[in-house]
Amino acid sequence: MRHAGRSLDLAQLSGGERAAFLALLHAQLGHRFGQGRFLLLDEPLEHLDAENGRRMLQHLLRACADGLLSQIVLATVEADVVEAVLQTGDAHVIRLPL
């Protein structure tokens, strides 16, 4: 992958970084070629540390704010990471008992 004169081999990324990259890539491809602008993510934070999880969620929120996505459904057990990113009115959160 090349961006802004820099190249990056995806094999150099950790499993969590690859998962985050793929989630954001799917959002971009869905916007470009799809009609739904809907993204369903199951445990996208699983292999990310808290900081990178927050960064990925911030990118997804920005994608919604910019109109790239209309809706994201995210299933995760990382409630603390999600709550650290969300502001009042950003999202509708449903918590299920374990």
PDB file of N, CA and C in Angstrom:
ATOM      1  N   MET A   1       0.846  -1.153   0.000  1.00  0.00           N
ATOM      2  CA  MET A   1       0.000   0.000   0.000  1.00  0.00           C
ATOM      3  C   MET A   1       0.902   1.229   0.000  1.00  0.00           C
ATOM      4  N   ARG A   2       0.538   2.218  -0.817  1.00  0.00           N
ATOM      5  CA  ARG A   2       1.297   3.467  -0.869  1.00  0.00           C
ATOM      6  C   ARG A   2       0.351   4.620  -0.566  1.00  0.00           C
ATOM      7  N   HIS A   3       0.839   5.557   0.244  1.00  0.00           N
ATOM      8  CA  HIS A   3       0.057   6.743   0.562  1.00  0.00           C
ATOM      9  C   HIS A   3       1.028   7.872   0.903  1.00  0.00           C
ATOM     10  N   ALA A   4       0.829   8.998   0.265  1.00  0.00           N
ATOM     11  CA  ALA A   4       1.626  10.205   0.525  1.00  0.00           C
ATOM     12  C   ALA A   4       3.123   9.922   0.439  1.00  0.00           C
ATOM     13  N   GLY A   5       3.516   9.152  -0.571  1.00  0.00           N
ATOM     14  CA  GLY A   5       4.930   8.875  -0.781  1.00  0.00           C
ATOM     15  C   GLY A   5       5.508   7.825   0.141  1.00  0.00           C
ATOM     16  N   ARG A   6       4.690   7.275   1.022  1.00  0.00           N
ATOM     17  CA  ARG A   6       5.153   6.229   1.934  1.00  0.00           C
ATOM     18  C   ARG A   6       4.544   4.908   1.507  1.00  0.00           C
ATOM     19  N   SER A   7       5.291   3.838   1.684  1.00  0.00           N
ATOM     20  CA  SER A   7       4.737   2.525   1.385  1.00  0.00           C
ATOM     21  C   SER A   7       4.703   1.700   2.663  1.00  0.00           C
ATOM     22  N   LEU A   8       3.725   0.821   2.719  1.00  0.00           N
ATOM     23  CA  LEU A   8       3.530  -0.008   3.893  1.00  0.00           C
ATOM     24  C   LEU A   8       3.117  -1.395   3.423  1.00  0.00           C
ATOM     25  N   ASP A   9       3.814  -2.374   3.898  1.00  0.00           N
ATOM     26  CA  ASP A   9       3.477  -3.760   3.599  1.00  0.00           C
ATOM     27  C   ASP A   9       2.466  -4.211   4.642  1.00  0.00           C
ATOM     28  N   LEU A  10       1.295  -4.643   4.205  1.00  0.00           N
ATOM     29  CA  LEU A  10       0.262  -5.053   5.150  1.00  0.00           C
ATOM     30  C   LEU A  10       0.734  -6.188   6.057  1.00  0.00           C
ATOM     31  N   ALA A  11       1.707  -6.957   5.619  1.00  0.00           N
ATOM     32  CA  ALA A  11       2.245  -8.032   6.450  1.00  0.00           C
ATOM     33  C   ALA A  11       2.963  -7.476   7.680  1.00  0.00           C
ATOM     34  N   GLN A  12       3.341  -6.199   7.654  1.00  0.00           N
ATOM     35  CA  GLN A  12       4.011  -5.579   8.790  1.00  0.00           C
ATOM     36  C   GLN A  12       3.039  -5.189   9.898  1.00  0.00           C
ATOM     37  N   LEU A  13       1.754  -5.161   9.594  1.00  0.00           N
ATOM     38  CA  LEU A  13       0.756  -4.755  10.580  1.00  0.00           C
ATOM     39  C   LEU A  13       0.422  -5.909  11.508  1.00  0.00           C
ATOM     40  N   SER A  14       0.044  -5.569  12.730  1.00  0.00           N
ATOM     41  CA  SER A  14      -0.434  -6.593  13.659  1.00  0.00           C
ATOM     42  C   SER A  14      -1.803  -7.073  13.190  1.00  0.00           C
ATOM     43  N   GLY A  15      -2.279  -8.136  13.780  1.00  0.00           N
ATOM     44  CA  GLY A  15      -3.608  -8.653  13.424  1.00  0.00           C
ATOM     45  C   GLY A  15      -4.693  -7.626  13.655  1.00  0.00           C
ATOM     46  N   GLY A  16      -4.619  -6.901  14.757  1.00  0.00           N
ATOM     47  CA  GLY A  16      -5.607  -5.866  15.047  1.00  0.00           C
ATOM     48  C   GLY A  16      -5.535  -4.704  14.085  1.00  0.00           C
ATOM     49  N   GLU A  17      -4.325  -4.295  13.734  1.00  0.00           N
ATOM     50  CA  GLU A  17      -4.162  -3.199  12.771  1.00  0.00           C
ATOM     51  C   GLU A  17      -4.690  -3.607  11.400  1.00  0.00           C
ATOM     52  N   ARG A  18      -4.461  -4.846  11.005  1.00  0.00           N
ATOM     53  CA  ARG A  18      -5.006  -5.337   9.733  1.00  0.00           C
ATOM     54  C   ARG A  18      -6.528  -5.339   9.771  1.00  0.00           C
ATOM     55  N   ALA A  19      -7.103  -5.783  10.900  1.00  0.00           N
ATOM     56  CA  ALA A  19      -8.567  -5.802  11.034  1.00  0.00           C
ATOM     57  C   ALA A  19      -9.134  -4.388  10.942  1.00  0.00           C
ATOM     58  N   ALA A  20      -8.479  -3.426  11.590  1.00  0.00           N
ATOM     59  CA  ALA A  20      -8.928  -2.038  11.527  1.00  0.00           C
ATOM     60  C   ALA A  20      -8.824  -1.503  10.106  1.00  0.00           C
ATOM     61  N   PHE A  21      -7.719  -1.779   9.443  1.00  0.00           N
ATOM     62  CA  PHE A  21      -7.539  -1.344   8.058  1.00  0.00           C
ATOM     63  C   PHE A  21      -8.637  -1.918   7.172  1.00  0.00           C
ATOM     64  N   LEU A  22      -8.931  -3.199   7.330  1.00  0.00           N
ATOM     65  CA  LEU A  22      -9.955  -3.839   6.501  1.00  0.00           C
ATOM     66  C   LEU A  22     -11.345  -3.280   6.778  1.00  0.00           C
ATOM     67  N   ALA A  23     -11.650  -2.967   8.033  1.00  0.00           N
ATOM     68  CA  ALA A  23     -12.951  -2.368   8.352  1.00  0.00           C
ATOM     69  C   ALA A  23     -13.099  -1.017   7.665  1.00  0.00           C
ATOM     70  N   LEU A  24     -12.057  -0.200   7.736  1.00  0.00           N
ATOM     71  CA  LEU A  24     -12.113   1.111   7.092  1.00  0.00           C
ATOM     72  C   LEU A  24     -12.104   0.994   5.567  1.00  0.00           C
ATOM     73  N   LEU A  25     -11.390   0.003   5.048  1.00  0.00           N
ATOM     74  CA  LEU A  25     -11.401  -0.240   3.602  1.00  0.00           C
ATOM     75  C   LEU A  25     -12.793  -0.661   3.140  1.00  0.00           C
ATOM     76  N   HIS A  26     -13.453  -1.530   3.895  1.00  0.00           N
ATOM     77  CA  HIS A  26     -14.818  -1.936   3.546  1.00  0.00           C
ATOM     78  C   HIS A  26     -15.770  -0.738   3.552  1.00  0.00           C
ATOM     79  N   ALA A  27     -15.591   0.162   4.500  1.00  0.00           N
ATOM     80  CA  ALA A  27     -16.422   1.365   4.534  1.00  0.00           C
ATOM     81  C   ALA A  27     -16.220   2.185   3.266  1.00  0.00           C
ATOM     82  N   GLN A  28     -14.976   2.367   2.867  1.00  0.00           N
ATOM     83  CA  GLN A  28     -14.672   3.151   1.662  1.00  0.00           C
ATOM     84  C   GLN A  28     -15.209   2.468   0.413  1.00  0.00           C
ATOM     85  N   LEU A  29     -14.997   1.165   0.294  1.00  0.00           N
ATOM     86  CA  LEU A  29     -15.477   0.432  -0.880  1.00  0.00           C
ATOM     87  C   LEU A  29     -17.005   0.408  -0.929  1.00  0.00           C
ATOM     88  N   GLY A  30     -17.640   0.254   0.228  1.00  0.00           N
ATOM     89  CA  GLY A  30     -19.101   0.272   0.270  1.00  0.00           C
ATOM     90  C   GLY A  30     -19.657   1.607  -0.173  1.00  0.00           C
ATOM     91  N   HIS A  31     -18.999   2.670   0.208  1.00  0.00           N
ATOM     92  CA  HIS A  31     -19.426   4.000  -0.216  1.00  0.00           C
ATOM     93  C   HIS A  31     -19.241   4.186  -1.719  1.00  0.00           C
ATOM     94  N   ARG A  32     -18.124   3.720  -2.209  1.00  0.00           N
ATOM     95  CA  ARG A  32     -17.798   3.925  -3.618  1.00  0.00           C
ATOM     96  C   ARG A  32     -18.650   3.073  -4.560  1.00  0.00           C
ATOM     97  N   PHE A  33     -18.900   1.813  -4.159  1.00  0.00           N
ATOM     98  CA  PHE A  33     -19.545   0.882  -5.085  1.00  0.00           C
ATOM     99  C   PHE A  33     -20.909   0.376  -4.618  1.00  0.00           C
ATOM    100  N   GLY A  34     -21.285   0.657  -3.397  1.00  0.00           N
ATOM    101  CA  GLY A  34     -22.530   0.112  -2.869  1.00  0.00           C
ATOM    102  C   GLY A  34     -23.599   1.165  -2.706  1.00  0.00           C
ATOM    103  N   GLN A  35     -24.781   0.700  -2.362  1.00  0.00           N
ATOM    104  CA  GLN A  35     -25.904   1.597  -2.149  1.00  0.00           C
ATOM    105  C   GLN A  35     -26.243   1.753  -0.674  1.00  0.00           C
ATOM    106  N   GLY A  36     -25.892   0.750   0.140  1.00  0.00           N
ATOM    107  CA  GLY A  36     -26.364   0.714   1.507  1.00  0.00           C
ATOM    108  C   GLY A  36     -25.669   1.649   2.471  1.00  0.00           C
ATOM    109  N   ARG A  37     -24.373   1.860   2.286  1.00  0.00           N
ATOM    110  CA  ARG A  37     -23.575   2.671   3.207  1.00  0.00           C
ATOM    111  C   ARG A  37     -23.751   2.195   4.646  1.00  0.00           C
ATOM    112  N   PHE A  38     -23.841   0.897   4.819  1.00  0.00           N
ATOM    113  CA  PHE A  38     -24.088   0.250   6.102  1.00  0.00           C
ATOM    114  C   PHE A  38     -22.921  -0.678   6.393  1.00  0.00           C
ATOM    115  N   LEU A  39     -22.420  -0.646   7.610  1.00  0.00           N
ATOM    116  CA  LEU A  39     -21.284  -1.486   7.972  1.00  0.00           C
ATOM    117  C   LEU A  39     -21.627  -2.260   9.241  1.00  0.00           C
ATOM    118  N   LEU A  40     -21.463  -3.576   9.196  1.00  0.00           N
ATOM    119  CA  LEU A  40     -21.702  -4.456  10.327  1.00  0.00           C
ATOM    120  C   LEU A  40     -20.363  -5.025  10.762  1.00  0.00           C
ATOM    121  N   LEU A  41     -19.983  -4.762  12.016  1.00  0.00           N
ATOM    122  CA  LEU A  41     -18.683  -5.192  12.523  1.00  0.00           C
ATOM    123  C   LEU A  41     -18.870  -6.065  13.763  1.00  0.00           C
ATOM    124  N   ASP A  42     -18.253  -7.234  13.750  1.00  0.00           N
ATOM    125  CA  ASP A  42     -18.293  -8.140  14.887  1.00  0.00           C
ATOM    126  C   ASP A  42     -16.919  -8.171  15.538  1.00  0.00           C
ATOM    127  N   GLU A  43     -16.826  -7.639  16.739  1.00  0.00           N
ATOM    128  CA  GLU A  43     -15.580  -7.577  17.511  1.00  0.00           C
ATOM    129  C   GLU A  43     -14.407  -6.947  16.742  1.00  0.00           C
ATOM    130  N   PRO A  44     -14.593  -5.751  16.182  1.00  0.00           N
ATOM    131  CA  PRO A  44     -13.488  -5.123  15.442  1.00  0.00           C
ATOM    132  C   PRO A  44     -12.341  -4.662  16.350  1.00  0.00           C
ATOM    133  N   LEU A  45     -12.584  -4.580  17.646  1.00  0.00           N
ATOM    134  CA  LEU A  45     -11.566  -4.099  18.574  1.00  0.00           C
ATOM    135  C   LEU A  45     -10.776  -5.239  19.210  1.00  0.00           C
ATOM    136  N   GLU A  46     -11.107  -6.458  18.841  1.00  0.00           N
ATOM    137  CA  GLU A  46     -10.590  -7.644  19.522  1.00  0.00           C
ATOM    138  C   GLU A  46      -9.074  -7.687  19.641  1.00  0.00           C
ATOM    139  N   HIS A  47      -8.351  -7.363  18.602  1.00  0.00           N
ATOM    140  CA  HIS A  47      -6.892  -7.481  18.623  1.00  0.00           C
ATOM    141  C   HIS A  47      -6.182  -6.131  18.691  1.00  0.00           C
ATOM    142  N   LEU A  48      -6.936  -5.089  19.023  1.00  0.00           N
ATOM    143  CA  LEU A  48      -6.346  -3.754  19.118  1.00  0.00           C
ATOM    144  C   LEU A  48      -6.171  -3.363  20.577  1.00  0.00           C
ATOM    145  N   ASP A  49      -5.097  -2.624  20.862  1.00  0.00           N
ATOM    146  CA  ASP A  49      -4.987  -2.063  22.202  1.00  0.00           C
ATOM    147  C   ASP A  49      -6.002  -0.924  22.314  1.00  0.00           C
ATOM    148  N   ALA A  50      -6.216  -0.438  23.532  1.00  0.00           N
ATOM    149  CA  ALA A  50      -7.257   0.562  23.769  1.00  0.00           C
ATOM    150  C   ALA A  50      -7.060   1.813  22.916  1.00  0.00           C
ATOM    151  N   GLU A  51      -5.828   2.297  22.791  1.00  0.00           N
ATOM    152  CA  GLU A  51      -5.571   3.516  22.010  1.00  0.00           C
ATOM    153  C   GLU A  51      -5.916   3.325  20.532  1.00  0.00           C
ATOM    154  N   ASN A  52      -5.471   2.229  19.943  1.00  0.00           N
ATOM    155  CA  ASN A  52      -5.791   1.983  18.532  1.00  0.00           C
ATOM    156  C   ASN A  52      -7.272   1.688  18.339  1.00  0.00           C
ATOM    157  N   GLY A  53      -7.911   1.075  19.317  1.00  0.00           N
ATOM    158  CA  GLY A  53      -9.359   0.869  19.255  1.00  0.00           C
ATOM    159  C   GLY A  53     -10.096   2.195  19.238  1.00  0.00           C
ATOM    160  N   ARG A  54      -9.672   3.129  20.098  1.00  0.00           N
ATOM    161  CA  ARG A  54     -10.284   4.463  20.112  1.00  0.00           C
ATOM    162  C   ARG A  54     -10.067   5.175  18.778  1.00  0.00           C
ATOM    163  N   ARG A  55      -8.871   5.061  18.239  1.00  0.00           N
ATOM    164  CA  ARG A  55      -8.578   5.725  16.952  1.00  0.00           C
ATOM    165  C   ARG A  55      -9.458   5.159  15.834  1.00  0.00           C
ATOM    166  N   MET A  56      -9.624   3.830  15.799  1.00  0.00           N
ATOM    167  CA  MET A  56     -10.460   3.244  14.763  1.00  0.00           C
ATOM    168  C   MET A  56     -11.910   3.706  14.913  1.00  0.00           C
ATOM    169  N   LEU A  57     -12.419   3.729  16.139  1.00  0.00           N
ATOM    170  CA  LEU A  57     -13.793   4.189  16.358  1.00  0.00           C
ATOM    171  C   LEU A  57     -13.952   5.653  15.962  1.00  0.00           C
ATOM    172  N   GLN A  58     -12.957   6.470  16.228  1.00  0.00           N
ATOM    173  CA  GLN A  58     -13.020   7.875  15.823  1.00  0.00           C
ATOM    174  C   GLN A  58     -13.075   7.994  14.295  1.00  0.00           C
ATOM    175  N   HIS A  59     -12.318   7.165  13.590  1.00  0.00           N
ATOM    176  CA  HIS A  59     -12.376   7.170  12.121  1.00  0.00           C
ATOM    177  C   HIS A  59     -13.753   6.745  11.636  1.00  0.00           C
ATOM    178  N   LEU A  60     -14.349   5.749  12.275  1.00  0.00           N
ATOM    179  CA  LEU A  60     -15.686   5.301  11.874  1.00  0.00           C
ATOM    180  C   LEU A  60     -16.730   6.375  12.146  1.00  0.00           C
ATOM    181  N   LEU A  61     -16.627   7.055  13.282  1.00  0.00           N
ATOM    182  CA  LEU A  61     -17.551   8.160  13.564  1.00  0.00           C
ATOM    183  C   LEU A  61     -17.396   9.276  12.541  1.00  0.00           C
ATOM    184  N   ARG A  62     -16.151   9.565  12.167  1.00  0.00           N
ATOM    185  CA  ARG A  62     -15.906  10.592  11.155  1.00  0.00           C
ATOM    186  C   ARG A  62     -16.500  10.166   9.805  1.00  0.00           C
ATOM    187  N   ALA A  63     -16.407   8.866   9.497  1.00  0.00           N
ATOM    188  CA  ALA A  63     -16.982   8.364   8.242  1.00  0.00           C
ATOM    189  C   ALA A  63     -18.489   8.588   8.225  1.00  0.00           C
ATOM    190  N   CYS A  64     -19.143   8.424   9.367  1.00  0.00           N
ATOM    191  CA  CYS A  64     -20.582   8.701   9.449  1.00  0.00           C
ATOM    192  C   CYS A  64     -20.858  10.196   9.324  1.00  0.00           C
ATOM    193  N   ALA A  65     -20.087  11.000  10.036  1.00  0.00           N
ATOM    194  CA  ALA A  65     -20.279  12.455   9.995  1.00  0.00           C
ATOM    195  C   ALA A  65     -20.055  13.014   8.596  1.00  0.00           C
ATOM    196  N   ASP A  66     -19.112  12.430   7.857  1.00  0.00           N
ATOM    197  CA  ASP A  66     -18.797  12.889   6.500  1.00  0.00           C
ATOM    198  C   ASP A  66     -19.728  12.312   5.445  1.00  0.00           C
ATOM    199  N   GLY A  67     -20.657  11.423   5.850  1.00  0.00           N
ATOM    200  CA  GLY A  67     -21.589  10.837   4.896  1.00  0.00           C
ATOM    201  C   GLY A  67     -21.065   9.609   4.178  1.00  0.00           C
ATOM    202  N   LEU A  68     -19.871   9.148   4.530  1.00  0.00           N
ATOM    203  CA  LEU A  68     -19.320   7.945   3.919  1.00  0.00           C
ATOM    204  C   LEU A  68     -20.154   6.720   4.309  1.00  0.00           C
ATOM    205  N   LEU A  69     -20.606   6.692   5.543  1.00  0.00           N
ATOM    206  CA  LEU A  69     -21.473   5.632   6.055  1.00  0.00           C
ATOM    207  C   LEU A  69     -22.727   6.270   6.636  1.00  0.00           C
ATOM    208  N   SER A  70     -23.850   5.552   6.522  1.00  0.00           N
ATOM    209  CA  SER A  70     -25.063   6.056   7.156  1.00  0.00           C
ATOM    210  C   SER A  70     -25.312   5.368   8.477  1.00  0.00           C
ATOM    211  N   GLN A  71     -24.792   4.146   8.627  1.00  0.00           N
ATOM    212  CA  GLN A  71     -25.039   3.408   9.855  1.00  0.00           C
ATOM    213  C   GLN A  71     -23.957   2.364  10.081  1.00  0.00           C
ATOM    214  N   ILE A  72     -23.571   2.204  11.346  1.00  0.00           N
ATOM    215  CA  ILE A  72     -22.632   1.163  11.742  1.00  0.00           C
ATOM    216  C   ILE A  72     -23.265   0.385  12.879  1.00  0.00           C
ATOM    217  N   VAL A  73     -23.262  -0.927  12.751  1.00  0.00           N
ATOM    218  CA  VAL A  73     -23.668  -1.795  13.845  1.00  0.00           C
ATOM    219  C   VAL A  73     -22.407  -2.509  14.290  1.00  0.00           C
ATOM    220  N   LEU A  74     -22.078  -2.350  15.560  1.00  0.00           N
ATOM    221  CA  LEU A  74     -20.827  -2.859  16.084  1.00  0.00           C
ATOM    222  C   LEU A  74     -21.135  -3.717  17.316  1.00  0.00           C
ATOM    223  N   ALA A  75     -20.696  -4.957  17.289  1.00  0.00           N
ATOM    224  CA  ALA A  75     -20.830  -5.843  18.447  1.00  0.00           C
ATOM    225  C   ALA A  75     -19.459  -5.978  19.090  1.00  0.00           C
ATOM    226  N   THR A  76     -19.392  -5.689  20.396  1.00  0.00           N
ATOM    227  CA  THR A  76     -18.108  -5.758  21.086  1.00  0.00           C
ATOM    228  C   THR A  76     -18.307  -5.959  22.576  1.00  0.00           C
ATOM    229  N   VAL A  77     -17.307  -6.509  23.213  1.00  0.00           N
ATOM    230  CA  VAL A  77     -17.288  -6.594  24.671  1.00  0.00           C
ATOM    231  C   VAL A  77     -16.409  -5.494  25.251  1.00  0.00           C
ATOM    232  N   GLU A  78     -15.845  -4.658  24.403  1.00  0.00           N
ATOM    233  CA  GLU A  78     -14.944  -3.570  24.802  1.00  0.00           C
ATOM    234  C   GLU A  78     -15.731  -2.293  25.078  1.00  0.00           C
ATOM    235  N   ALA A  79     -16.695  -2.371  25.993  1.00  0.00           N
ATOM    236  CA  ALA A  79     -17.566  -1.227  26.276  1.00  0.00           C
ATOM    237  C   ALA A  79     -16.787  -0.012  26.747  1.00  0.00           C
ATOM    238  N   ASP A  80     -15.730  -0.209  27.527  1.00  0.00           N
ATOM    239  CA  ASP A  80     -14.960   0.930  28.036  1.00  0.00           C
ATOM    240  C   ASP A  80     -14.296   1.715  26.914  1.00  0.00           C
ATOM    241  N   VAL A  81     -13.821   1.026  25.892  1.00  0.00           N
ATOM    242  CA  VAL A  81     -13.191   1.703  24.753  1.00  0.00           C
ATOM    243  C   VAL A  81     -14.247   2.489  23.971  1.00  0.00           C
ATOM    244  N   VAL A  82     -15.400   1.877  23.743  1.00  0.00           N
ATOM    245  CA  VAL A  82     -16.479   2.544  23.006  1.00  0.00           C
ATOM    246  C   VAL A  82     -16.953   3.772  23.773  1.00  0.00           C
ATOM    247  N   GLU A  83     -17.176   3.632  25.072  1.00  0.00           N
ATOM    248  CA  GLU A  83     -17.655   4.757  25.877  1.00  0.00           C
ATOM    249  C   GLU A  83     -16.649   5.899  25.929  1.00  0.00           C
ATOM    250  N   ALA A  84     -15.358   5.595  25.813  1.00  0.00           N
ATOM    251  CA  ALA A  84     -14.324   6.634  25.823  1.00  0.00           C
ATOM    252  C   ALA A  84     -14.379   7.495  24.562  1.00  0.00           C
ATOM    253  N   VAL A  85     -14.943   6.972  23.495  1.00  0.00           N
ATOM    254  CA  VAL A  85     -14.965   7.678  22.214  1.00  0.00           C
ATOM    255  C   VAL A  85     -16.284   8.405  21.975  1.00  0.00           C
ATOM    256  N   LEU A  86     -17.385   7.795  22.365  1.00  0.00           N
ATOM    257  CA  LEU A  86     -18.697   8.344  22.042  1.00  0.00           C
ATOM    258  C   LEU A  86     -19.019   9.586  22.858  1.00  0.00           C
ATOM    259  N   GLN A  87     -19.613  10.546  22.199  1.00  0.00           N
ATOM    260  CA  GLN A  87     -20.151  11.741  22.840  1.00  0.00           C
ATOM    261  C   GLN A  87     -21.671  11.596  22.852  1.00  0.00           C
ATOM    262  N   THR A  88     -22.344  12.335  23.704  1.00  0.00           N
ATOM    263  CA  THR A  88     -23.797  12.301  23.751  1.00  0.00           C
ATOM    264  C   THR A  88     -24.366  12.606  22.371  1.00  0.00           C
ATOM    265  N   GLY A  89     -25.238  11.754  21.906  1.00  0.00           N
ATOM    266  CA  GLY A  89     -25.869  11.937  20.601  1.00  0.00           C
ATOM    267  C   GLY A  89     -25.129  11.308  19.444  1.00  0.00           C
ATOM    268  N   ASP A  90     -23.921  10.801  19.671  1.00  0.00           N
ATOM    269  CA  ASP A  90     -23.144  10.165  18.600  1.00  0.00           C
ATOM    270  C   ASP A  90     -23.757   8.861  18.136  1.00  0.00           C
ATOM    271  N   ALA A  91     -24.332   8.114  19.085  1.00  0.00           N
ATOM    272  CA  ALA A  91     -24.756   6.758  18.743  1.00  0.00           C
ATOM    273  C   ALA A  91     -25.865   6.294  19.676  1.00  0.00           C
ATOM    274  N   HIS A  92     -26.524   5.262  19.237  1.00  0.00           N
ATOM    275  CA  HIS A  92     -27.497   4.577  20.072  1.00  0.00           C
ATOM    276  C   HIS A  92     -26.823   3.299  20.545  1.00  0.00           C
ATOM    277  N   VAL A  93     -26.634   3.152  21.844  1.00  0.00           N
ATOM    278  CA  VAL A  93     -25.923   2.013  22.395  1.00  0.00           C
ATOM    279  C   VAL A  93     -26.923   1.096  23.086  1.00  0.00           C
ATOM    280  N   ILE A  94     -26.844  -0.175  22.753  1.00  0.00           N
ATOM    281  CA  ILE A  94     -27.662  -1.203  23.395  1.00  0.00           C
ATOM    282  C   ILE A  94     -26.730  -2.119  24.137  1.00  0.00           C
ATOM    283  N   ARG A  95     -26.911  -2.249  25.424  1.00  0.00           N
ATOM    284  CA  ARG A  95     -26.095  -3.144  26.236  1.00  0.00           C
ATOM    285  C   ARG A  95     -26.918  -4.383  26.553  1.00  0.00           C
ATOM    286  N   LEU A  96     -26.347  -5.527  26.272  1.00  0.00           N
ATOM    287  CA  LEU A  96     -27.008  -6.785  26.575  1.00  0.00           C
ATOM    288  C   LEU A  96     -26.371  -7.402  27.814  1.00  0.00           C
ATOM    289  N   PRO A  97     -27.185  -7.977  28.708  1.00  0.00           N
ATOM    290  CA  PRO A  97     -26.611  -8.619  29.881  1.00  0.00           C
ATOM    291  C   PRO A  97     -25.817  -9.863  29.470  1.00  0.00           C
ATOM    292  N   LEU A  98     -24.736 -10.112  30.177  1.00  0.00           N
ATOM    293  CA  LEU A  98     -23.917 -11.279  29.874  1.00  0.00           C
ATOM    294  C   LEU A  98     -24.470 -12.501  30.543  1.00  0.00           C
TER     295      LEU A  98
END
